Every structure is written in structure tokens, then in C-alpha cells.
């Protein structure tokens, strides 16, 4: 009886240890939110012109953040950013340069 009791304790402890190591490994390997956002930004830059579908790389990005990233990409393509990163209001309000 005592041998069986010890054996089950050893087996249970080993299973808990293996599960803990697996969870720890998963936490170390999974990408951070910042890495997911950067992957999404790269996917949006590589997206073909006119494609409005959300790339698979952006699945882990919060919807509000995705909207901001997509808006930034659109404005970036239109050239509305000044060299210091601020918005060029003239370009934004009149993208064709017409009065």
C-alpha cells in the first residue's frame, strides 16, 4: 500500500512538473502584443492597393488599435506627415494641391 501511495505521488508530481514546464515554454515562445502589432503593420504595408481585408497577421490586434494602424497607413500613403511626424494640414485638407 505504501509503495503504491508513493508511486502515485511521484507520478502526480511529475505530471504537474511537465504541465508547468509546458505552460512556461508556451508563455516564453508566444509573441508579445507589440510583436503582434509590428507584424500587423508589416502585413498592412505589404497589402496590395485596394485590398480592404484584414490580414491574418492582425488577428491578435485589438479592434481599436487596428483601426488606428490602418488609418495611419492610409494617411502615410497620402503623404500627410511632416518630417517631424506631425500632420501637414494643407496636404490633409487639399490632397490634390488645388485651391
PDB file of N, CA and C in Angstrom:
ATOM      1  N   UNK A   1       0.827  -1.194   0.000  1.00  0.00           N
ATOM      2  CA  UNK A   1       0.000   0.000   0.000  1.00  0.00           C
ATOM      3  C   UNK A   1       0.865   1.248   0.000  1.00  0.00           C
ATOM      4  N   UNK A   2       1.913   1.266   0.796  1.00  0.00           N
ATOM      5  CA  UNK A   2       2.772   2.432   0.887  1.00  0.00           C
ATOM      6  C   UNK A   2       3.524   2.668  -0.419  1.00  0.00           C
ATOM      7  N   UNK A   3       3.930   1.586  -1.097  1.00  0.00           N
ATOM      8  CA  UNK A   3       4.625   1.724  -2.376  1.00  0.00           C
ATOM      9  C   UNK A   3       3.707   2.351  -3.428  1.00  0.00           C
ATOM     10  N   UNK A   4       2.475   1.909  -3.461  1.00  0.00           N
ATOM     11  CA  UNK A   4       1.504   2.449  -4.408  1.00  0.00           C
ATOM     12  C   UNK A   4       1.238   3.919  -4.118  1.00  0.00           C
ATOM     13  N   UNK A   5       1.130   4.266  -2.846  1.00  0.00           N
ATOM     14  CA  UNK A   5       0.897   5.650  -2.444  1.00  0.00           C
ATOM     15  C   UNK A   5       2.051   6.539  -2.887  1.00  0.00           C
ATOM     16  N   UNK A   6       3.271   6.107  -2.680  1.00  0.00           N
ATOM     17  CA  UNK A   6       4.442   6.885  -3.100  1.00  0.00           C
ATOM     18  C   UNK A   6       4.517   6.982  -4.616  1.00  0.00           C
ATOM     19  N   UNK A   7       4.213   5.889  -5.279  1.00  0.00           N
ATOM     20  CA  UNK A   7       4.262   5.878  -6.745  1.00  0.00           C
ATOM     21  C   UNK A   7       3.284   6.905  -7.328  1.00  0.00           C
ATOM     22  N   UNK A   8       2.087   6.966  -6.787  1.00  0.00           N
ATOM     23  CA  UNK A   8       1.102   7.926  -7.287  1.00  0.00           C
ATOM     24  C   UNK A   8       1.534   9.361  -7.003  1.00  0.00           C
ATOM     25  N   UNK A   9       2.178   9.590  -5.885  1.00  0.00           N
ATOM     26  CA  UNK A   9       2.694  10.922  -5.583  1.00  0.00           C
ATOM     27  C   UNK A   9       3.783  11.317  -6.568  1.00  0.00           C
ATOM     28  N   UNK A  10       4.645  10.385  -6.882  1.00  0.00           N
ATOM     29  CA  UNK A  10       5.724  10.659  -7.840  1.00  0.00           C
ATOM     30  C   UNK A  10       5.145  10.923  -9.226  1.00  0.00           C
ATOM     31  N   UNK A  11       4.193  10.110  -9.636  1.00  0.00           N
ATOM     32  CA  UNK A  11       3.566  10.292 -10.961  1.00  0.00           C
ATOM     33  C   UNK A  11       2.834  11.632 -11.011  1.00  0.00           C
ATOM     34  N   UNK A  12       2.087  11.968  -9.967  1.00  0.00           N
ATOM     35  CA  UNK A  12       1.359  13.234  -9.927  1.00  0.00           C
ATOM     36  C   UNK A  12       2.323  14.413  -9.952  1.00  0.00           C
ATOM     37  N   UNK A  13       3.384  14.332  -9.167  1.00  0.00           N
ATOM     38  CA  UNK A  13       4.371  15.414  -9.144  1.00  0.00           C
ATOM     39  C   UNK A  13       5.041  15.567 -10.512  1.00  0.00           C
ATOM     40  N   UNK A  14       5.332  14.456 -11.168  1.00  0.00           N
ATOM     41  CA  UNK A  14       5.951  14.511 -12.494  1.00  0.00           C
ATOM     42  C   UNK A  14       5.001  15.146 -13.512  1.00  0.00           C
ATOM     43  N   UNK A  15       3.724  14.794 -13.448  1.00  0.00           N
ATOM     44  CA  UNK A  15       2.746  15.372 -14.370  1.00  0.00           C
ATOM     45  C   UNK A  15       2.581  16.873 -14.142  1.00  0.00           C
ATOM     46  N   UNK A  16       2.557  17.285 -12.882  1.00  0.00           N
ATOM     47  CA  UNK A  16       2.454  18.712 -12.564  1.00  0.00           C
ATOM     48  C   UNK A  16       3.692  19.449 -13.058  1.00  0.00           C
ATOM     49  N   UNK A  17       4.856  18.855 -12.893  1.00  0.00           N
ATOM     50  CA  UNK A  17       6.095  19.470 -13.360  1.00  0.00           C
ATOM     51  C   UNK A  17       6.109  19.609 -14.880  1.00  0.00           C
ATOM     52  N   UNK A  18       5.711  18.559 -15.581  1.00  0.00           N
ATOM     53  CA  UNK A  18       5.673  18.612 -17.041  1.00  0.00           C
ATOM     54  C   UNK A  18       4.665  19.657 -17.518  1.00  0.00           C
ATOM     55  N   UNK A  19       3.497  19.708 -16.893  1.00  0.00           N
ATOM     56  CA  UNK A  19       2.496  20.710 -17.273  1.00  0.00           C
ATOM     57  C   UNK A  19       3.013  22.117 -17.004  1.00  0.00           C
ATOM     58  N   UNK A  20       3.670  22.310 -15.888  1.00  0.00           N
ATOM     59  CA  UNK A  20       4.236  23.626 -15.580  1.00  0.00           C
ATOM     60  C   UNK A  20       5.302  24.039 -16.576  1.00  0.00           C
ATOM     61  N   UNK A  21       6.148  23.107 -16.957  1.00  0.00           N
ATOM     62  CA  UNK A  21       7.175  23.409 -17.962  1.00  0.00           C
ATOM     63  C   UNK A  21       6.548  23.725 -19.319  1.00  0.00           C
ATOM     64  N   UNK A  22       5.496  23.000 -19.671  1.00  0.00           N
ATOM     65  CA  UNK A  22       4.825  23.253 -20.953  1.00  0.00           C
ATOM     66  C   UNK A  22       4.203  24.645 -20.976  1.00  0.00           C
ATOM     67  N   UNK A  23       3.546  25.028 -19.904  1.00  0.00           N
ATOM     68  CA  UNK A  23       2.928  26.360 -19.826  1.00  0.00           C
ATOM     69  C   UNK A  23       4.001  27.437 -19.851  1.00  0.00           C
ATOM     70  N   UNK A  24       5.076  27.233 -19.116  1.00  0.00           N
ATOM     71  CA  UNK A  24       6.175  28.201 -19.111  1.00  0.00           C
ATOM     72  C   UNK A  24       6.773  28.349 -20.501  1.00  0.00           C
ATOM     73  N   UNK A  25       6.982  27.240 -21.179  1.00  0.00           N
ATOM     74  CA  UNK A  25       7.509  27.282 -22.551  1.00  0.00           C
ATOM     75  C   UNK A  25       6.579  28.027 -23.489  1.00  0.00           C
ATOM     76  N   UNK A  26       5.296  27.787 -23.347  1.00  0.00           N
ATOM     77  CA  UNK A  26       4.328  28.474 -24.202  1.00  0.00           C
ATOM     78  C   UNK A  26       4.347  29.978 -23.939  1.00  0.00           C
ATOM     79  N   UNK A  27       4.446  30.376 -22.674  1.00  0.00           N
ATOM     80  CA  UNK A  27       4.481  31.799 -22.343  1.00  0.00           C
ATOM     81  C   UNK A  27       5.740  32.470 -22.875  1.00  0.00           C
ATOM     82  N   UNK A  28       6.839  31.747 -22.915  1.00  0.00           N
ATOM     83  CA  UNK A  28       8.092  32.310 -23.416  1.00  0.00           C
ATOM     84  C   UNK A  28       8.062  32.442 -24.935  1.00  0.00           C
ATOM     85  N   UNK A  29       7.479  31.480 -25.613  1.00  0.00           N
ATOM     86  CA  UNK A  29       7.518  31.434 -27.075  1.00  0.00           C
ATOM     87  C   UNK A  29       6.469  32.317 -27.737  1.00  0.00           C
ATOM     88  N   UNK A  30       5.322  32.490 -27.113  1.00  0.00           N
ATOM     89  CA  UNK A  30       4.249  33.250 -27.767  1.00  0.00           C
ATOM     90  C   UNK A  30       4.690  34.704 -27.968  1.00  0.00           C
ATOM     91  N   UNK A  31       4.245  35.321 -29.062  1.00  0.00           N
ATOM     92  CA  UNK A  31       4.650  36.707 -29.325  1.00  0.00           C
ATOM     93  C   UNK A  31       3.966  37.678 -28.369  1.00  0.00           C
ATOM     94  N   UNK A  32       4.665  38.763 -28.073  1.00  0.00           N
ATOM     95  CA  UNK A  32       4.079  39.804 -27.240  1.00  0.00           C
ATOM     96  C   UNK A  32       3.074  40.596 -28.076  1.00  0.00           C
ATOM     97  N   UNK A  33       2.285  41.422 -27.427  1.00  0.00           N
ATOM     98  CA  UNK A  33       1.310  42.238 -28.150  1.00  0.00           C
ATOM     99  C   UNK A  33       2.019  43.206 -29.091  1.00  0.00           C
ATOM    100  N   UNK A  34       3.136  43.780 -28.649  1.00  0.00           N
ATOM    101  CA  UNK A  34       3.906  44.695 -29.506  1.00  0.00           C
ATOM    102  C   UNK A  34       4.417  43.986 -30.752  1.00  0.00           C
ATOM    103  N   UNK A  35       4.877  42.746 -30.594  1.00  0.00           N
ATOM    104  CA  UNK A  35       5.343  41.982 -31.757  1.00  0.00           C
ATOM    105  C   UNK A  35       4.191  41.696 -32.715  1.00  0.00           C
ATOM    106  N   UNK A  36       3.023  41.399 -32.165  1.00  0.00           N
ATOM    107  CA  UNK A  36       1.841  41.161 -32.994  1.00  0.00           C
ATOM    108  C   UNK A  36       1.457  42.424 -33.756  1.00  0.00           C
ATOM    109  N   UNK A  37       1.514  43.572 -33.089  1.00  0.00           N
ATOM    110  CA  UNK A  37       1.195  44.845 -33.744  1.00  0.00           C
ATOM    111  C   UNK A  37       2.204  45.138 -34.851  1.00  0.00           C
ATOM    112  N   UNK A  38       3.488  44.925 -34.587  1.00  0.00           N
ATOM    113  CA  UNK A  38       4.512  45.177 -35.606  1.00  0.00           C
ATOM    114  C   UNK A  38       4.347  44.251 -36.808  1.00  0.00           C
ATOM    115  N   UNK A  39       3.965  43.011 -36.572  1.00  0.00           N
ATOM    116  CA  UNK A  39       3.695  42.080 -37.666  1.00  0.00           C
ATOM    117  C   UNK A  39       2.488  42.546 -38.470  1.00  0.00           C
ATOM    118  N   UNK A  40       1.487  43.069 -37.782  1.00  0.00           N
ATOM    119  CA  UNK A  40       0.293  43.596 -38.451  1.00  0.00           C
ATOM    120  C   UNK A  40       0.654  44.801 -39.317  1.00  0.00           C
ATOM    121  N   UNK A  41       1.473  45.698 -38.790  1.00  0.00           N
ATOM    122  CA  UNK A  41       1.892  46.878 -39.554  1.00  0.00           C
ATOM    123  C   UNK A  41       2.615  46.455 -40.829  1.00  0.00           C
ATOM    124  N   UNK A  42       3.505  45.485 -40.710  1.00  0.00           N
ATOM    125  CA  UNK A  42       4.235  44.990 -41.885  1.00  0.00           C
ATOM    126  C   UNK A  42       3.274  44.364 -42.896  1.00  0.00           C
ATOM    127  N   UNK A  43       2.292  43.622 -42.413  1.00  0.00           N
ATOM    128  CA  UNK A  43       1.317  42.995 -43.309  1.00  0.00           C
ATOM    129  C   UNK A  43       0.475  44.047 -44.030  1.00  0.00           C
ATOM    130  N   UNK A  44       0.120  45.117 -43.331  1.00  0.00           N
ATOM    131  CA  UNK A  44      -0.657  46.183 -43.972  1.00  0.00           C
ATOM    132  C   UNK A  44       0.172  46.921 -45.018  1.00  0.00           C
ATOM    133  N   UNK A  45       1.465  47.085 -44.758  1.00  0.00           N
ATOM    134  CA  UNK A  45       2.329  47.739 -45.746  1.00  0.00           C
ATOM    135  C   UNK A  45       2.473  46.900 -47.003  1.00  0.00           C
ATOM    136  N   UNK A  46       2.467  45.571 -46.832  1.00  0.00           N
ATOM    137  CA  UNK A  46       2.622  44.656 -47.964  1.00  0.00           C
ATOM    138  C   UNK A  46       1.310  44.368 -48.680  1.00  0.00           C
ATOM    139  N   UNK A  47       0.207  44.847 -48.134  1.00  0.00           N
ATOM    140  CA  UNK A  47      -1.112  44.590 -48.725  1.00  0.00           C
ATOM    141  C   UNK A  47      -1.224  45.282 -50.075  1.00  0.00           C
ATOM    142  N   UNK A  48      -1.840  44.619 -51.029  1.00  0.00           N
ATOM    143  CA  UNK A  48      -1.986  45.196 -52.359  1.00  0.00           C
ATOM    144  C   UNK A  48      -2.947  46.384 -52.326  1.00  0.00           C
ATOM    145  N   UNK A  49      -2.754  47.298 -53.238  1.00  0.00           N
ATOM    146  CA  UNK A  49      -3.582  48.502 -53.328  1.00  0.00           C
ATOM    147  C   UNK A  49      -5.040  48.110 -53.565  1.00  0.00           C
ATOM    148  N   UNK A  50      -5.926  48.678 -52.788  1.00  0.00           N
ATOM    149  CA  UNK A  50      -7.353  48.417 -52.927  1.00  0.00           C
ATOM    150  C   UNK A  50      -7.859  47.255 -52.082  1.00  0.00           C
ATOM    151  N   UNK A  51      -6.956  46.470 -51.509  1.00  0.00           N
ATOM    152  CA  UNK A  51      -7.360  45.350 -50.667  1.00  0.00           C
ATOM    153  C   UNK A  51      -7.797  45.886 -49.310  1.00  0.00           C
ATOM    154  N   UNK A  52      -9.013  45.614 -48.925  1.00  0.00           N
ATOM    155  CA  UNK A  52      -9.557  46.131 -47.667  1.00  0.00           C
ATOM    156  C   UNK A  52      -9.689  45.043 -46.599  1.00  0.00           C
ATOM    157  N   UNK A  53      -9.348  43.804 -46.942  1.00  0.00           N
ATOM    158  CA  UNK A  53      -9.484  42.698 -45.992  1.00  0.00           C
ATOM    159  C   UNK A  53      -8.441  42.809 -44.884  1.00  0.00           C
ATOM    160  N   UNK A  54      -8.840  42.431 -43.697  1.00  0.00           N
ATOM    161  CA  UNK A  54      -7.924  42.450 -42.551  1.00  0.00           C
ATOM    162  C   UNK A  54      -6.964  41.268 -42.689  1.00  0.00           C
ATOM    163  N   UNK A  55      -5.662  41.541 -42.717  1.00  0.00           N
ATOM    164  CA  UNK A  55      -4.695  40.442 -42.844  1.00  0.00           C
ATOM    165  C   UNK A  55      -4.752  39.495 -41.648  1.00  0.00           C
ATOM    166  N   UNK A  56      -4.433  38.236 -41.888  1.00  0.00           N
ATOM    167  CA  UNK A  56      -4.424  37.248 -40.808  1.00  0.00           C
ATOM    168  C   UNK A  56      -3.441  37.629 -39.712  1.00  0.00           C
ATOM    169  N   UNK A  57      -2.361  38.319 -40.072  1.00  0.00           N
ATOM    170  CA  UNK A  57      -1.348  38.723 -39.092  1.00  0.00           C
ATOM    171  C   UNK A  57      -1.916  39.712 -38.071  1.00  0.00           C
ATOM    172  N   UNK A  58      -3.057  40.313 -38.375  1.00  0.00           N
ATOM    173  CA  UNK A  58      -3.654  41.317 -37.480  1.00  0.00           C
ATOM    174  C   UNK A  58      -4.734  40.737 -36.576  1.00  0.00           C
ATOM    175  N   UNK A  59      -4.911  39.416 -36.599  1.00  0.00           N
ATOM    176  CA  UNK A  59      -5.980  38.799 -35.806  1.00  0.00           C
ATOM    177  C   UNK A  59      -5.825  39.039 -34.312  1.00  0.00           C
ATOM    178  N   UNK A  60      -4.598  39.119 -33.802  1.00  0.00           N
ATOM    179  CA  UNK A  60      -4.394  39.307 -32.378  1.00  0.00           C
ATOM    180  C   UNK A  60      -4.398  40.757 -31.925  1.00  0.00           C
ATOM    181  N   UNK A  61      -4.639  41.684 -32.861  1.00  0.00           N
ATOM    182  CA  UNK A  61      -4.611  43.117 -32.551  1.00  0.00           C
ATOM    183  C   UNK A  61      -6.018  43.568 -32.153  1.00  0.00           C
ATOM    184  N   UNK A  62      -6.112  44.360 -31.091  1.00  0.00           N
ATOM    185  CA  UNK A  62      -7.403  44.894 -30.654  1.00  0.00           C
ATOM    186  C   UNK A  62      -8.010  45.727 -31.775  1.00  0.00           C
ATOM    187  N   UNK A  63      -9.318  45.717 -31.871  1.00  0.00           N
ATOM    188  CA  UNK A  63     -10.018  46.382 -32.983  1.00  0.00           C
ATOM    189  C   UNK A  63      -9.723  47.880 -33.038  1.00  0.00           C
ATOM    190  N   UNK A  64      -9.703  48.546 -31.885  1.00  0.00           N
ATOM    191  CA  UNK A  64      -9.403  49.983 -31.865  1.00  0.00           C
ATOM    192  C   UNK A  64      -7.976  50.251 -32.351  1.00  0.00           C
ATOM    193  N   UNK A  65      -7.047  49.415 -31.914  1.00  0.00           N
ATOM    194  CA  UNK A  65      -5.660  49.579 -32.348  1.00  0.00           C
ATOM    195  C   UNK A  65      -5.524  49.316 -33.846  1.00  0.00           C
ATOM    196  N   UNK A  66      -6.232  48.308 -34.338  1.00  0.00           N
ATOM    197  CA  UNK A  66      -6.187  48.002 -35.773  1.00  0.00           C
ATOM    198  C   UNK A  66      -6.711  49.185 -36.587  1.00  0.00           C
ATOM    199  N   UNK A  67      -7.785  49.802 -36.126  1.00  0.00           N
ATOM    200  CA  UNK A  67      -8.340  50.957 -36.826  1.00  0.00           C
ATOM    201  C   UNK A  67      -7.323  52.094 -36.883  1.00  0.00           C
ATOM    202  N   UNK A  68      -6.645  52.348 -35.768  1.00  0.00           N
ATOM    203  CA  UNK A  68      -5.632  53.409 -35.750  1.00  0.00           C
ATOM    204  C   UNK A  68      -4.452  53.077 -36.670  1.00  0.00           C
ATOM    205  N   UNK A  69      -4.016  51.839 -36.660  1.00  0.00           N
ATOM    206  CA  UNK A  69      -2.900  51.424 -37.519  1.00  0.00           C
ATOM    207  C   UNK A  69      -3.291  51.580 -38.984  1.00  0.00           C
ATOM    208  N   UNK A  70      -4.483  51.135 -39.314  1.00  0.00           N
ATOM    209  CA  UNK A  70      -4.946  51.224 -40.702  1.00  0.00           C
ATOM    210  C   UNK A  70      -5.087  52.691 -41.133  1.00  0.00           C
ATOM    211  N   UNK A  71      -5.613  53.532 -40.259  1.00  0.00           N
ATOM    212  CA  UNK A  71      -5.745  54.955 -40.565  1.00  0.00           C
ATOM    213  C   UNK A  71      -4.375  55.592 -40.772  1.00  0.00           C
ATOM    214  N   UNK A  72      -3.411  55.226 -39.936  1.00  0.00           N
ATOM    215  CA  UNK A  72      -2.057  55.756 -40.078  1.00  0.00           C
ATOM    216  C   UNK A  72      -1.460  55.328 -41.419  1.00  0.00           C
ATOM    217  N   UNK A  73      -1.697  54.090 -41.825  1.00  0.00           N
ATOM    218  CA  UNK A  73      -1.187  53.600 -43.107  1.00  0.00           C
ATOM    219  C   UNK A  73      -1.795  54.391 -44.278  1.00  0.00           C
ATOM    220  N   UNK A  74      -3.085  54.659 -44.193  1.00  0.00           N
ATOM    221  CA  UNK A  74      -3.763  55.411 -45.251  1.00  0.00           C
ATOM    222  C   UNK A  74      -3.189  56.823 -45.343  1.00  0.00           C
ATOM    223  N   UNK A  75      -3.053  57.487 -44.198  1.00  0.00           N
ATOM    224  CA  UNK A  75      -2.508  58.842 -44.190  1.00  0.00           C
ATOM    225  C   UNK A  75      -1.046  58.852 -44.637  1.00  0.00           C
ATOM    226  N   UNK A  76      -0.317  57.820 -44.284  1.00  0.00           N
ATOM    227  CA  UNK A  76       1.089  57.725 -44.689  1.00  0.00           C
ATOM    228  C   UNK A  76       1.204  57.616 -46.216  1.00  0.00           C
ATOM    229  N   UNK A  77       0.315  56.854 -46.830  1.00  0.00           N
ATOM    230  CA  UNK A  77       0.341  56.708 -48.286  1.00  0.00           C
ATOM    231  C   UNK A  77      -0.027  58.017 -48.981  1.00  0.00           C
ATOM    232  N   UNK A  78      -0.815  58.852 -48.311  1.00  0.00           N
ATOM    233  CA  UNK A  78      -1.198  60.130 -48.895  1.00  0.00           C
ATOM    234  C   UNK A  78      -0.168  61.219 -48.633  1.00  0.00           C
ATOM    235  N   UNK A  79       0.844  60.910 -47.836  1.00  0.00           N
ATOM    236  CA  UNK A  79       1.924  61.854 -47.592  1.00  0.00           C
ATOM    237  C   UNK A  79       1.540  63.042 -46.724  1.00  0.00           C
ATOM    238  N   UNK A  80       0.728  62.816 -45.723  1.00  0.00           N
ATOM    239  CA  UNK A  80       0.275  63.937 -44.888  1.00  0.00           C
ATOM    240  C   UNK A  80       1.157  64.174 -43.662  1.00  0.00           C
ATOM    241  N   UNK A  81       2.202  63.385 -43.478  1.00  0.00           N
ATOM    242  CA  UNK A  81       3.079  63.557 -42.315  1.00  0.00           C
ATOM    243  C   UNK A  81       4.239  64.480 -42.665  1.00  0.00           C
ATOM    244  N   UNK A  82       4.515  65.439 -41.783  1.00  0.00           N
ATOM    245  CA  UNK A  82       5.700  66.282 -41.910  1.00  0.00           C
ATOM    246  C   UNK A  82       6.924  65.492 -41.467  1.00  0.00           C
ATOM    247  N   UNK A  83       8.105  66.056 -41.679  1.00  0.00           N
ATOM    248  CA  UNK A  83       9.338  65.381 -41.288  1.00  0.00           C
ATOM    249  C   UNK A  83       9.422  65.140 -39.788  1.00  0.00           C
ATOM    250  N   UNK A  84       8.780  66.003 -39.001  1.00  0.00           N
ATOM    251  CA  UNK A  84       8.832  65.839 -37.545  1.00  0.00           C
ATOM    252  C   UNK A  84       7.739  64.909 -37.020  1.00  0.00           C
ATOM    253  N   UNK A  85       6.936  64.322 -37.915  1.00  0.00           N
ATOM    254  CA  UNK A  85       5.895  63.391 -37.517  1.00  0.00           C
ATOM    255  C   UNK A  85       4.542  64.014 -37.286  1.00  0.00           C
ATOM    256  N   UNK A  86       4.444  65.333 -37.400  1.00  0.00           N
ATOM    257  CA  UNK A  86       3.151  65.992 -37.230  1.00  0.00           C
ATOM    258  C   UNK A  86       2.383  65.957 -38.559  1.00  0.00           C
ATOM    259  N   UNK A  87       1.109  66.275 -38.488  1.00  0.00           N
ATOM    260  CA  UNK A  87       0.257  66.235 -39.679  1.00  0.00           C
ATOM    261  C   UNK A  87       0.392  67.527 -40.466  1.00  0.00           C
ATOM    262  N   UNK A  88       0.597  67.408 -41.765  1.00  0.00           N
ATOM    263  CA  UNK A  88       0.634  68.543 -42.670  1.00  0.00           C
ATOM    264  C   UNK A  88      -0.820  68.859 -43.035  1.00  0.00           C
ATOM    265  N   UNK A  89      -1.393  69.845 -42.373  1.00  0.00           N
ATOM    266  CA  UNK A  89      -2.815  70.139 -42.546  1.00  0.00           C
ATOM    267  C   UNK A  89      -3.145  70.572 -43.966  1.00  0.00           C
ATOM    268  N   UNK A  90      -2.244  71.279 -44.626  1.00  0.00           N
ATOM    269  CA  UNK A  90      -2.506  71.692 -46.004  1.00  0.00           C
ATOM    270  C   UNK A  90      -2.658  70.472 -46.908  1.00  0.00           C
ATOM    271  N   UNK A  91      -1.788  69.505 -46.748  1.00  0.00           N
ATOM    272  CA  UNK A  91      -1.857  68.291 -47.550  1.00  0.00           C
ATOM    273  C   UNK A  91      -3.104  67.488 -47.191  1.00  0.00           C
ATOM    274  N   UNK A  92      -3.438  67.451 -45.913  1.00  0.00           N
ATOM    275  CA  UNK A  92      -4.588  66.703 -45.469  1.00  0.00           C
ATOM    276  C   UNK A  92      -5.893  67.284 -46.009  1.00  0.00           C
ATOM    277  N   UNK A  93      -6.021  68.627 -45.980  1.00  0.00           N
ATOM    278  CA  UNK A  93      -7.248  69.270 -46.408  1.00  0.00           C
ATOM    279  C   UNK A  93      -7.345  69.411 -47.918  1.00  0.00           C
ATOM    280  N   UNK A  94      -6.202  69.457 -48.595  1.00  0.00           N
ATOM    281  CA  UNK A  94      -6.201  69.609 -50.046  1.00  0.00           C
ATOM    282  C   UNK A  94      -5.173  68.656 -50.663  1.00  0.00           C
ATOM    283  N   UNK A  95      -5.476  67.365 -50.739  1.00  0.00           N
ATOM    284  CA  UNK A  95      -4.501  66.394 -51.193  1.00  0.00           C
ATOM    285  C   UNK A  95      -4.081  66.568 -52.654  1.00  0.00           C
ATOM    286  N   UNK A  96      -4.902  67.196 -53.463  1.00  0.00           N
ATOM    287  CA  UNK A  96      -4.558  67.380 -54.883  1.00  0.00           C
ATOM    288  C   UNK A  96      -3.790  68.670 -55.123  1.00  0.00           C
ATOM    289  N   UNK A  97      -3.665  69.513 -54.112  1.00  0.00           N
ATOM    290  CA  UNK A  97      -2.944  70.772 -54.258  1.00  0.00           C
ATOM    291  C   UNK A  97      -3.707  71.813 -55.033  1.00  0.00           C
ATOM    292  N   UNK A  98      -5.016  71.665 -55.100  1.00  0.00           N
ATOM    293  CA  UNK A  98      -5.856  72.621 -55.845  1.00  0.00           C
ATOM    294  C   UNK A  98      -6.492  73.606 -54.877  1.00  0.00           C
ATOM    295  N   UNK A  99      -6.645  74.847 -55.295  1.00  0.00           N
ATOM    296  CA  UNK A  99      -7.289  75.855 -54.421  1.00  0.00           C
ATOM    297  C   UNK A  99      -8.760  75.608 -54.234  1.00  0.00           C
TER     298      UNK A  99
END
